[in-house]
Amino acid sequence: MSRLQISIILAVFGFLAGCKSSTSPSGAVSTSPYAVWIAAVTTTYISDAPTDTGTNFLLQGYSNIQLWDIPGNVQHHEVSYVRFLLPTLPAGSTIDSAYFELYHAGEREDGTTDTTQFWVSEIGVPFGFDTMTWNNGPDHGRYFQPPNPIVCSLHSKDWCGTTDIGGIVRKWFSDPATNTGFRLNLANQKNFFKGFNSNRTFSRTDSTLGTAPRLLLLIHVPDTASLKPLKTFPQLPRDANVRLGLYSQRTNLVIMDSLTAGSDFPVSWNAKKGH
């Protein structure tokens, strides 16, 4: 069974029927709020270290960002990339807010403080994560510093990520060709090495979301609409690096996200919302 043959479904949690609809003017369609957790479909990182410039790290358990140097002389960089598959929104649905988050399992793993920041930016061009290297990548073999990055605060042994990026995610839904993924780097900070759990962390499998990079959405769905579009994803792309196992062999399915009723994320998700 190839990865391309595997369908993708949604794990639904919570008591959906118990959610109260939002109030609407007379004659308008009422809607209900939902929280959605979407796990990344593929992650990788690349490095300009002399031994790594032609290497792809798709199967590594961490997504690294690094700017390591001796005073006045940068030695090498590591930049990570993350991409998501998106379901189809039921007709008439709205995205209230969205957040991109990663899990930093370390604590001062490089000997430096974790009270630092990292940058998130859109890649901007389509690229195969399984063929990406420093010499052959979307940034053309250079350390790209985006002009308007999303600045994120790092946390120790916890989730961390962006403030509301609803505008970006709405664009992805309306024009799927723009969904090229995110780039993570450390900007001008030196002597830092920080690692995030990737899709290859052992907590992320074909039946568990684990601590792989995630996209969190708060949405409203018309009460007359079926939730089925939110439960079905496109087939896995060739460069997907989700661990396949007994679950996908038995069901021909991979769980990509979780849905629960409510106007905010469950406490158990520990959503940071940029904090």
C-alpha atoms as a PDB file:
ATOM      1  CA  MET A   1       0.000   0.000   0.000  1.00  0.00           C
ATOM      2  CA  SER A   2       1.593   3.254  -1.093  1.00  0.00           C
ATOM      3  CA  ARG A   3       1.221   6.519   0.795  1.00  0.00           C
ATOM      4  CA  LEU A   4      -0.699   7.927  -2.163  1.00  0.00           C
ATOM      5  CA  GLN A   5      -3.422   5.338  -1.700  1.00  0.00           C
ATOM      6  CA  ILE A   6      -4.168   6.273   1.870  1.00  0.00           C
ATOM      7  CA  SER A   7      -7.260   8.329   2.564  1.00  0.00           C
ATOM      8  CA  ILE A   8      -7.320  10.736   5.489  1.00  0.00           C
ATOM      9  CA  ILE A   9     -10.062  11.219   8.066  1.00  0.00           C
ATOM     10  CA  LEU A  10     -10.852  13.367  11.070  1.00  0.00           C
ATOM     11  CA  ALA A  11     -11.009  12.195  14.656  1.00  0.00           C
ATOM     12  CA  VAL A  12     -14.060  13.788  16.242  1.00  0.00           C
ATOM     13  CA  PHE A  13     -14.042  14.428  19.969  1.00  0.00           C
ATOM     14  CA  GLY A  14     -16.460  16.076  22.350  1.00  0.00           C
ATOM     15  CA  PHE A  15     -20.218  16.189  22.418  1.00  0.00           C
ATOM     16  CA  LEU A  16     -20.914  18.023  19.189  1.00  0.00           C
ATOM     17  CA  ALA A  17     -24.659  17.878  19.544  1.00  0.00           C
ATOM     18  CA  GLY A  18     -24.474  19.675  22.852  1.00  0.00           C
ATOM     19  CA  CYS A  19     -23.018  22.858  21.412  1.00  0.00           C
ATOM     20  CA  LYS A  20     -25.303  25.891  21.352  1.00  0.00           C
ATOM     21  CA  SER A  21     -25.738  27.734  18.072  1.00  0.00           C
ATOM     22  CA  SER A  22     -24.902  31.380  17.771  1.00  0.00           C
ATOM     23  CA  THR A  23     -27.803  33.788  17.708  1.00  0.00           C
ATOM     24  CA  SER A  24     -28.808  35.070  14.277  1.00  0.00           C
ATOM     25  CA  PRO A  25     -31.210  37.695  12.953  1.00  0.00           C
ATOM     26  CA  SER A  26     -34.627  36.473  11.885  1.00  0.00           C
ATOM     27  CA  GLY A  27     -34.330  34.501   8.662  1.00  0.00           C
ATOM     28  CA  ALA A  28     -30.542  34.130   8.855  1.00  0.00           C
ATOM     29  CA  VAL A  29     -28.891  30.736   9.132  1.00  0.00           C
ATOM     30  CA  SER A  30     -27.678  30.024  12.644  1.00  0.00           C
ATOM     31  CA  THR A  31     -24.164  28.714  13.154  1.00  0.00           C
ATOM     32  CA  SER A  32     -22.258  26.750  15.785  1.00  0.00           C
ATOM     33  CA  PRO A  33     -18.629  27.197  16.893  1.00  0.00           C
ATOM     34  CA  TYR A  34     -15.974  24.498  16.593  1.00  0.00           C
ATOM     35  CA  ALA A  35     -12.307  24.165  17.439  1.00  0.00           C
ATOM     36  CA  VAL A  36     -10.086  22.243  15.019  1.00  0.00           C
ATOM     37  CA  TRP A  37      -6.557  20.848  15.532  1.00  0.00           C
ATOM     38  CA  ILE A  38      -4.816  19.946  12.251  1.00  0.00           C
ATOM     39  CA  ALA A  39      -1.470  18.121  12.367  1.00  0.00           C
ATOM     40  CA  ALA A  40       1.216  18.857   9.783  1.00  0.00           C
ATOM     41  CA  VAL A  41       1.426  16.595   6.746  1.00  0.00           C
ATOM     42  CA  THR A  42       5.170  17.050   6.254  1.00  0.00           C
ATOM     43  CA  THR A  43       8.165  18.642   7.984  1.00  0.00           C
ATOM     44  CA  THR A  44      11.846  18.915   7.216  1.00  0.00           C
ATOM     45  CA  TYR A  45      14.901  21.068   7.856  1.00  0.00           C
ATOM     46  CA  ILE A  46      17.985  21.935   5.854  1.00  0.00           C
ATOM     47  CA  SER A  47      21.485  23.034   6.836  1.00  0.00           C
ATOM     48  CA  ASP A  48      24.357  24.901   5.214  1.00  0.00           C
ATOM     49  CA  ALA A  49      26.961  23.058   7.295  1.00  0.00           C
ATOM     50  CA  PRO A  50      29.654  21.853   4.841  1.00  0.00           C
ATOM     51  CA  THR A  51      28.660  18.197   5.237  1.00  0.00           C
ATOM     52  CA  ASP A  52      24.907  18.887   5.014  1.00  0.00           C
ATOM     53  CA  THR A  53      24.326  21.211   2.059  1.00  0.00           C
ATOM     54  CA  GLY A  54      23.121  18.348  -0.136  1.00  0.00           C
ATOM     55  CA  THR A  55      21.212  16.495   2.596  1.00  0.00           C
ATOM     56  CA  ASN A  56      17.463  16.311   3.196  1.00  0.00           C
ATOM     57  CA  PHE A  57      16.306  15.702   6.789  1.00  0.00           C
ATOM     58  CA  LEU A  58      12.691  14.663   6.080  1.00  0.00           C
ATOM     59  CA  LEU A  59      12.868  11.627   8.370  1.00  0.00           C
ATOM     60  CA  GLN A  60      14.386  13.335  11.417  1.00  0.00           C
ATOM     61  CA  GLY A  61      12.458  13.447  14.681  1.00  0.00           C
ATOM     62  CA  TYR A  62      13.141  17.144  15.163  1.00  0.00           C
ATOM     63  CA  SER A  63      12.729  20.309  13.109  1.00  0.00           C
ATOM     64  CA  ASN A  64      15.720  22.467  13.934  1.00  0.00           C
ATOM     65  CA  ILE A  65      16.459  26.171  13.704  1.00  0.00           C
ATOM     66  CA  GLN A  66      19.985  27.337  14.297  1.00  0.00           C
ATOM     67  CA  LEU A  67      22.407  30.184  13.794  1.00  0.00           C
ATOM     68  CA  TRP A  68      25.682  29.000  15.251  1.00  0.00           C
ATOM     69  CA  ASP A  69      28.830  31.072  15.123  1.00  0.00           C
ATOM     70  CA  ILE A  70      32.038  32.130  16.737  1.00  0.00           C
ATOM     71  CA  PRO A  71      32.319  35.885  17.380  1.00  0.00           C
ATOM     72  CA  GLY A  72      32.069  37.712  14.096  1.00  0.00           C
ATOM     73  CA  ASN A  73      31.956  34.568  11.930  1.00  0.00           C
ATOM     74  CA  VAL A  74      28.725  32.662  11.318  1.00  0.00           C
ATOM     75  CA  GLN A  75      29.492  28.949  11.009  1.00  0.00           C
ATOM     76  CA  HIS A  76      26.216  27.591   9.693  1.00  0.00           C
ATOM     77  CA  HIS A  77      22.445  27.887   9.709  1.00  0.00           C
ATOM     78  CA  GLU A  78      19.556  25.456   9.980  1.00  0.00           C
ATOM     79  CA  VAL A  79      16.081  26.361   8.739  1.00  0.00           C
ATOM     80  CA  SER A  80      12.894  24.303   9.132  1.00  0.00           C
ATOM     81  CA  TYR A  81       9.823  23.999   6.929  1.00  0.00           C
ATOM     82  CA  VAL A  82       6.299  22.803   7.781  1.00  0.00           C
ATOM     83  CA  ARG A  83       3.281  22.218   5.539  1.00  0.00           C
ATOM     84  CA  PHE A  84      -0.366  21.292   6.163  1.00  0.00           C
ATOM     85  CA  LEU A  85      -3.143  19.610   4.225  1.00  0.00           C
ATOM     86  CA  LEU A  86      -6.483  21.332   4.691  1.00  0.00           C
ATOM     87  CA  PRO A  87      -9.996  19.859   4.723  1.00  0.00           C
ATOM     88  CA  THR A  88     -12.890  21.515   2.907  1.00  0.00           C
ATOM     89  CA  LEU A  89     -14.935  24.018   4.882  1.00  0.00           C
ATOM     90  CA  PRO A  90     -18.688  23.361   4.777  1.00  0.00           C
ATOM     91  CA  ALA A  91     -20.497  25.958   2.662  1.00  0.00           C
ATOM     92  CA  GLY A  92     -21.197  29.126   4.635  1.00  0.00           C
ATOM     93  CA  SER A  93     -18.519  28.449   7.275  1.00  0.00           C
ATOM     94  CA  THR A  94     -16.251  31.188   8.596  1.00  0.00           C
ATOM     95  CA  ILE A  95     -12.770  31.088  10.126  1.00  0.00           C
ATOM     96  CA  ASP A  96     -12.707  33.254  13.234  1.00  0.00           C
ATOM     97  CA  SER A  97      -9.001  32.814  14.041  1.00  0.00           C
ATOM     98  CA  ALA A  98      -6.063  30.512  13.373  1.00  0.00           C
ATOM     99  CA  TYR A  99      -2.723  29.748  15.036  1.00  0.00           C
ATOM    100  CA  PHE A 100       0.393  27.824  14.004  1.00  0.00           C
ATOM    101  CA  GLU A 101       2.139  26.093  16.914  1.00  0.00           C
ATOM    102  CA  LEU A 102       5.132  23.822  17.499  1.00  0.00           C
ATOM    103  CA  TYR A 103       6.225  21.802  20.492  1.00  0.00           C
ATOM    104  CA  HIS A 104       9.654  22.665  21.924  1.00  0.00           C
ATOM    105  CA  ALA A 105      10.538  19.573  23.935  1.00  0.00           C
ATOM    106  CA  GLY A 106      13.903  20.915  25.086  1.00  0.00           C
ATOM    107  CA  GLU A 107      15.041  23.189  27.863  1.00  0.00           C
ATOM    108  CA  ARG A 108      18.231  25.160  27.294  1.00  0.00           C
ATOM    109  CA  GLU A 109      19.417  22.320  25.044  1.00  0.00           C
ATOM    110  CA  ASP A 110      22.153  24.539  23.610  1.00  0.00           C
ATOM    111  CA  GLY A 111      23.137  26.076  26.944  1.00  0.00           C
ATOM    112  CA  THR A 112      21.330  29.341  26.155  1.00  0.00           C
ATOM    113  CA  THR A 113      18.149  30.760  27.633  1.00  0.00           C
ATOM    114  CA  ASP A 114      14.800  29.738  26.160  1.00  0.00           C
ATOM    115  CA  THR A 115      13.414  33.242  26.632  1.00  0.00           C
ATOM    116  CA  THR A 116      14.126  34.054  23.003  1.00  0.00           C
ATOM    117  CA  GLN A 117      12.151  34.426  19.776  1.00  0.00           C
ATOM    118  CA  PHE A 118      11.953  32.725  16.415  1.00  0.00           C
ATOM    119  CA  TRP A 119      10.482  33.787  13.090  1.00  0.00           C
ATOM    120  CA  VAL A 120       7.706  32.202  11.034  1.00  0.00           C
ATOM    121  CA  SER A 121       7.066  33.173   7.414  1.00  0.00           C
ATOM    122  CA  GLU A 122       5.308  31.700   4.399  1.00  0.00           C
ATOM    123  CA  ILE A 123       7.579  29.803   2.009  1.00  0.00           C
ATOM    124  CA  GLY A 124       5.842  31.448  -0.952  1.00  0.00           C
ATOM    125  CA  VAL A 125       6.694  28.874  -3.631  1.00  0.00           C
ATOM    126  CA  PRO A 126       5.676  25.201  -3.956  1.00  0.00           C
ATOM    127  CA  PHE A 127       8.470  22.781  -3.221  1.00  0.00           C
ATOM    128  CA  GLY A 128       8.853  19.057  -2.529  1.00  0.00           C
ATOM    129  CA  PHE A 129       9.902  18.569   1.084  1.00  0.00           C
ATOM    130  CA  ASP A 130      11.446  15.199   0.181  1.00  0.00           C
ATOM    131  CA  THR A 131      13.859  16.737  -2.347  1.00  0.00           C
ATOM    132  CA  MET A 132      14.677  19.974  -0.541  1.00  0.00           C
ATOM    133  CA  THR A 133      18.320  20.626   0.357  1.00  0.00           C
ATOM    134  CA  TRP A 134      20.258  23.770   1.166  1.00  0.00           C
ATOM    135  CA  ASN A 135      21.701  23.864  -2.337  1.00  0.00           C
ATOM    136  CA  ASN A 136      18.366  22.974  -3.936  1.00  0.00           C
ATOM    137  CA  GLY A 137      15.598  24.626  -1.954  1.00  0.00           C
ATOM    138  CA  PRO A 138      13.035  27.423  -1.991  1.00  0.00           C
ATOM    139  CA  ASP A 139      15.572  29.938  -0.668  1.00  0.00           C
ATOM    140  CA  HIS A 140      18.122  29.174  -3.408  1.00  0.00           C
ATOM    141  CA  GLY A 141      21.035  28.233  -1.167  1.00  0.00           C
ATOM    142  CA  ARG A 142      21.004  31.385   0.927  1.00  0.00           C
ATOM    143  CA  TYR A 143      19.923  32.283   4.439  1.00  0.00           C
ATOM    144  CA  PHE A 144      16.689  34.133   3.727  1.00  0.00           C
ATOM    145  CA  GLN A 145      15.462  36.692   6.232  1.00  0.00           C
ATOM    146  CA  PRO A 146      11.808  37.450   5.477  1.00  0.00           C
ATOM    147  CA  PRO A 147      10.893  41.139   5.420  1.00  0.00           C
ATOM    148  CA  ASN A 148       7.763  40.811   7.573  1.00  0.00           C
ATOM    149  CA  PRO A 149       8.042  37.666   9.694  1.00  0.00           C
ATOM    150  CA  ILE A 150       5.640  36.576  12.390  1.00  0.00           C
ATOM    151  CA  VAL A 151       7.587  36.869  15.643  1.00  0.00           C
ATOM    152  CA  CYS A 152       7.012  34.022  18.113  1.00  0.00           C
ATOM    153  CA  SER A 153       8.135  33.532  21.703  1.00  0.00           C
ATOM    154  CA  LEU A 154       9.915  30.296  22.626  1.00  0.00           C
ATOM    155  CA  HIS A 155       8.848  28.206  25.634  1.00  0.00           C
ATOM    156  CA  SER A 156      10.585  25.323  27.401  1.00  0.00           C
ATOM    157  CA  LYS A 157       8.946  21.889  27.155  1.00  0.00           C
ATOM    158  CA  ASP A 158       5.743  23.419  25.821  1.00  0.00           C
ATOM    159  CA  TRP A 159       3.852  24.571  22.770  1.00  0.00           C
ATOM    160  CA  CYS A 160       4.775  27.911  21.219  1.00  0.00           C
ATOM    161  CA  GLY A 161       3.750  29.722  18.072  1.00  0.00           C
ATOM    162  CA  THR A 162       2.057  32.573  16.291  1.00  0.00           C
ATOM    163  CA  THR A 163      -0.563  35.111  17.142  1.00  0.00           C
ATOM    164  CA  ASP A 164      -3.750  35.021  15.044  1.00  0.00           C
ATOM    165  CA  ILE A 165      -2.919  34.193  11.400  1.00  0.00           C
ATOM    166  CA  GLY A 166      -6.526  33.907  10.274  1.00  0.00           C
ATOM    167  CA  GLY A 167      -5.837  36.034   7.200  1.00  0.00           C
ATOM    168  CA  ILE A 168      -3.193  33.616   5.938  1.00  0.00           C
ATOM    169  CA  VAL A 169      -5.311  30.529   6.546  1.00  0.00           C
ATOM    170  CA  ARG A 170      -8.409  32.063   4.938  1.00  0.00           C
ATOM    171  CA  LYS A 171      -6.269  32.718   1.866  1.00  0.00           C
ATOM    172  CA  TRP A 172      -5.159  29.077   1.837  1.00  0.00           C
ATOM    173  CA  PHE A 173      -8.749  27.860   1.898  1.00  0.00           C
ATOM    174  CA  SER A 174      -9.885  30.242  -0.845  1.00  0.00           C
ATOM    175  CA  ASP A 175      -6.793  29.643  -3.014  1.00  0.00           C
ATOM    176  CA  PRO A 176      -5.155  26.275  -2.180  1.00  0.00           C
ATOM    177  CA  ALA A 177      -2.212  27.023  -4.497  1.00  0.00           C
ATOM    178  CA  THR A 178      -0.996  29.609  -1.947  1.00  0.00           C
ATOM    179  CA  ASN A 179      -0.687  26.943   0.767  1.00  0.00           C
ATOM    180  CA  THR A 180       3.060  26.388   0.363  1.00  0.00           C
ATOM    181  CA  GLY A 181       3.839  26.022   4.064  1.00  0.00           C
ATOM    182  CA  PHE A 182       5.886  27.849   6.687  1.00  0.00           C
ATOM    183  CA  ARG A 183       9.568  28.613   7.122  1.00  0.00           C
ATOM    184  CA  LEU A 184      11.124  28.815  10.626  1.00  0.00           C
ATOM    185  CA  ASN A 185      14.380  30.583  11.394  1.00  0.00           C
ATOM    186  CA  LEU A 186      16.209  32.472  14.119  1.00  0.00           C
ATOM    187  CA  ALA A 187      16.796  35.763  12.299  1.00  0.00           C
ATOM    188  CA  ASN A 188      19.897  37.624  13.532  1.00  0.00           C
ATOM    189  CA  GLN A 189      20.292  35.922  16.884  1.00  0.00           C
ATOM    190  CA  LYS A 190      23.602  34.086  17.208  1.00  0.00           C
ATOM    191  CA  ASN A 191      24.805  31.005  19.044  1.00  0.00           C
ATOM    192  CA  PHE A 192      21.367  29.458  19.306  1.00  0.00           C
ATOM    193  CA  PHE A 193      20.218  25.932  18.503  1.00  0.00           C
ATOM    194  CA  LYS A 194      16.591  25.049  19.216  1.00  0.00           C
ATOM    195  CA  GLY A 195      14.702  21.944  18.133  1.00  0.00           C
ATOM    196  CA  PHE A 196      10.963  21.350  17.730  1.00  0.00           C
ATOM    197  CA  ASN A 197       9.160  18.025  17.490  1.00  0.00           C
ATOM    198  CA  SER A 198       8.597  17.165  13.836  1.00  0.00           C
ATOM    199  CA  ASN A 199       6.139  14.837  12.122  1.00  0.00           C
ATOM    200  CA  ARG A 200       8.602  12.037  12.858  1.00  0.00           C
ATOM    201  CA  THR A 201       8.363  12.347  16.624  1.00  0.00           C
ATOM    202  CA  PHE A 202       7.183   9.016  18.014  1.00  0.00           C
ATOM    203  CA  SER A 203       4.113  10.693  19.524  1.00  0.00           C
ATOM    204  CA  ARG A 204       2.785  11.326  15.991  1.00  0.00           C
ATOM    205  CA  THR A 205       1.479   8.223  14.222  1.00  0.00           C
ATOM    206  CA  ASP A 206      -1.197   7.365  11.683  1.00  0.00           C
ATOM    207  CA  SER A 207      -3.734   7.302  14.545  1.00  0.00           C
ATOM    208  CA  THR A 208      -2.391   9.970  16.954  1.00  0.00           C
ATOM    209  CA  LEU A 209      -1.677  13.678  16.484  1.00  0.00           C
ATOM    210  CA  GLY A 210       0.950  13.789  19.219  1.00  0.00           C
ATOM    211  CA  THR A 211       3.189  16.836  19.392  1.00  0.00           C
ATOM    212  CA  ALA A 212       3.778  17.295  15.680  1.00  0.00           C
ATOM    213  CA  PRO A 213       3.443  20.902  14.429  1.00  0.00           C
ATOM    214  CA  ARG A 214      -0.205  21.914  14.410  1.00  0.00           C
ATOM    215  CA  LEU A 215      -2.624  24.418  12.954  1.00  0.00           C
ATOM    216  CA  LEU A 216      -5.411  25.440  15.348  1.00  0.00           C
ATOM    217  CA  LEU A 217      -8.647  26.923  13.991  1.00  0.00           C
ATOM    218  CA  LEU A 218     -11.714  28.464  15.588  1.00  0.00           C
ATOM    219  CA  ILE A 219     -14.577  28.351  13.093  1.00  0.00           C
ATOM    220  CA  HIS A 220     -18.333  28.742  12.785  1.00  0.00           C
ATOM    221  CA  VAL A 221     -20.325  26.231  10.741  1.00  0.00           C
ATOM    222  CA  PRO A 222     -23.978  26.648   9.655  1.00  0.00           C
ATOM    223  CA  ASP A 223     -26.240  24.329  11.631  1.00  0.00           C
ATOM    224  CA  THR A 224     -27.796  23.177   8.363  1.00  0.00           C
ATOM    225  CA  ALA A 225     -24.405  22.091   6.976  1.00  0.00           C
ATOM    226  CA  SER A 226     -22.850  18.655   7.226  1.00  0.00           C
ATOM    227  CA  LEU A 227     -19.572  18.300   9.089  1.00  0.00           C
ATOM    228  CA  LYS A 228     -18.445  15.658   6.602  1.00  0.00           C
ATOM    229  CA  PRO A 229     -16.185  18.044   4.610  1.00  0.00           C
ATOM    230  CA  LEU A 230     -14.229  18.735   7.809  1.00  0.00           C
ATOM    231  CA  LYS A 231     -13.733  15.001   8.290  1.00  0.00           C
ATOM    232  CA  THR A 232     -12.141  14.316   4.903  1.00  0.00           C
ATOM    233  CA  PHE A 233      -8.743  15.388   3.610  1.00  0.00           C
ATOM    234  CA  PRO A 234      -6.992  14.954   0.254  1.00  0.00           C
ATOM    235  CA  GLN A 235      -4.734  11.959  -0.203  1.00  0.00           C
ATOM    236  CA  LEU A 236      -1.302  12.112   1.347  1.00  0.00           C
ATOM    237  CA  PRO A 237       1.224  13.778  -0.961  1.00  0.00           C
ATOM    238  CA  ARG A 238       4.415  11.982  -1.965  1.00  0.00           C
ATOM    239  CA  ASP A 239       6.508  13.961   0.507  1.00  0.00           C
ATOM    240  CA  ALA A 240       4.275  13.258   3.534  1.00  0.00           C
ATOM    241  CA  ASN A 241       6.356  11.966   6.446  1.00  0.00           C
ATOM    242  CA  VAL A 242       3.642  10.732   8.840  1.00  0.00           C
ATOM    243  CA  ARG A 243       4.611   7.369  10.350  1.00  0.00           C
ATOM    244  CA  LEU A 244       2.383   4.675   8.863  1.00  0.00           C
ATOM    245  CA  GLY A 245       1.650   1.530  10.853  1.00  0.00           C
ATOM    246  CA  LEU A 246      -0.964  -1.050  11.779  1.00  0.00           C
ATOM    247  CA  TYR A 247      -3.788   1.492  11.900  1.00  0.00           C
ATOM    248  CA  SER A 248      -3.329   2.680   8.326  1.00  0.00           C
ATOM    249  CA  GLN A 249      -2.650  -0.851   7.113  1.00  0.00           C
ATOM    250  CA  ARG A 250      -5.908  -2.035   8.651  1.00  0.00           C
ATOM    251  CA  THR A 251      -8.145   0.918   7.795  1.00  0.00           C
ATOM    252  CA  ASN A 252      -6.390   2.571   4.809  1.00  0.00           C
ATOM    253  CA  LEU A 253      -6.835   5.800   6.781  1.00  0.00           C
ATOM    254  CA  VAL A 254      -4.620   8.353   8.517  1.00  0.00           C
ATOM    255  CA  ILE A 255      -6.012  10.626  11.231  1.00  0.00           C
ATOM    256  CA  MET A 256      -4.996  14.211  10.477  1.00  0.00           C
ATOM    257  CA  ASP A 257      -7.012  16.300  12.914  1.00  0.00           C
ATOM    258  CA  SER A 258      -9.393  16.618  15.802  1.00  0.00           C
ATOM    259  CA  LEU A 259     -12.671  18.532  16.052  1.00  0.00           C
ATOM    260  CA  THR A 260     -14.634  19.578  19.104  1.00  0.00           C
ATOM    261  CA  ALA A 261     -17.601  21.871  19.678  1.00  0.00           C
ATOM    262  CA  GLY A 262     -16.968  25.172  21.413  1.00  0.00           C
ATOM    263  CA  SER A 263     -16.003  28.792  20.921  1.00  0.00           C
ATOM    264  CA  ASP A 264     -12.487  28.294  22.324  1.00  0.00           C
ATOM    265  CA  PHE A 265      -9.862  25.563  22.378  1.00  0.00           C
ATOM    266  CA  PRO A 266     -10.206  22.906  25.088  1.00  0.00           C
ATOM    267  CA  VAL A 267      -7.941  23.468  28.080  1.00  0.00           C
ATOM    268  CA  SER A 268      -6.337  20.082  27.411  1.00  0.00           C
ATOM    269  CA  TRP A 269      -4.975  21.371  24.071  1.00  0.00           C
ATOM    270  CA  ASN A 270      -2.875  23.975  25.908  1.00  0.00           C
ATOM    271  CA  ALA A 271      -3.186  26.437  23.018  1.00  0.00           C
ATOM    272  CA  LYS A 272      -0.843  29.391  23.378  1.00  0.00           C
ATOM    273  CA  LYS A 273      -2.358  31.890  20.899  1.00  0.00           C
ATOM    274  CA  GLY A 274       0.962  33.651  20.594  1.00  0.00           C
ATOM    275  CA  HIS A 275       1.684  33.911  24.331  1.00  0.00           C
END
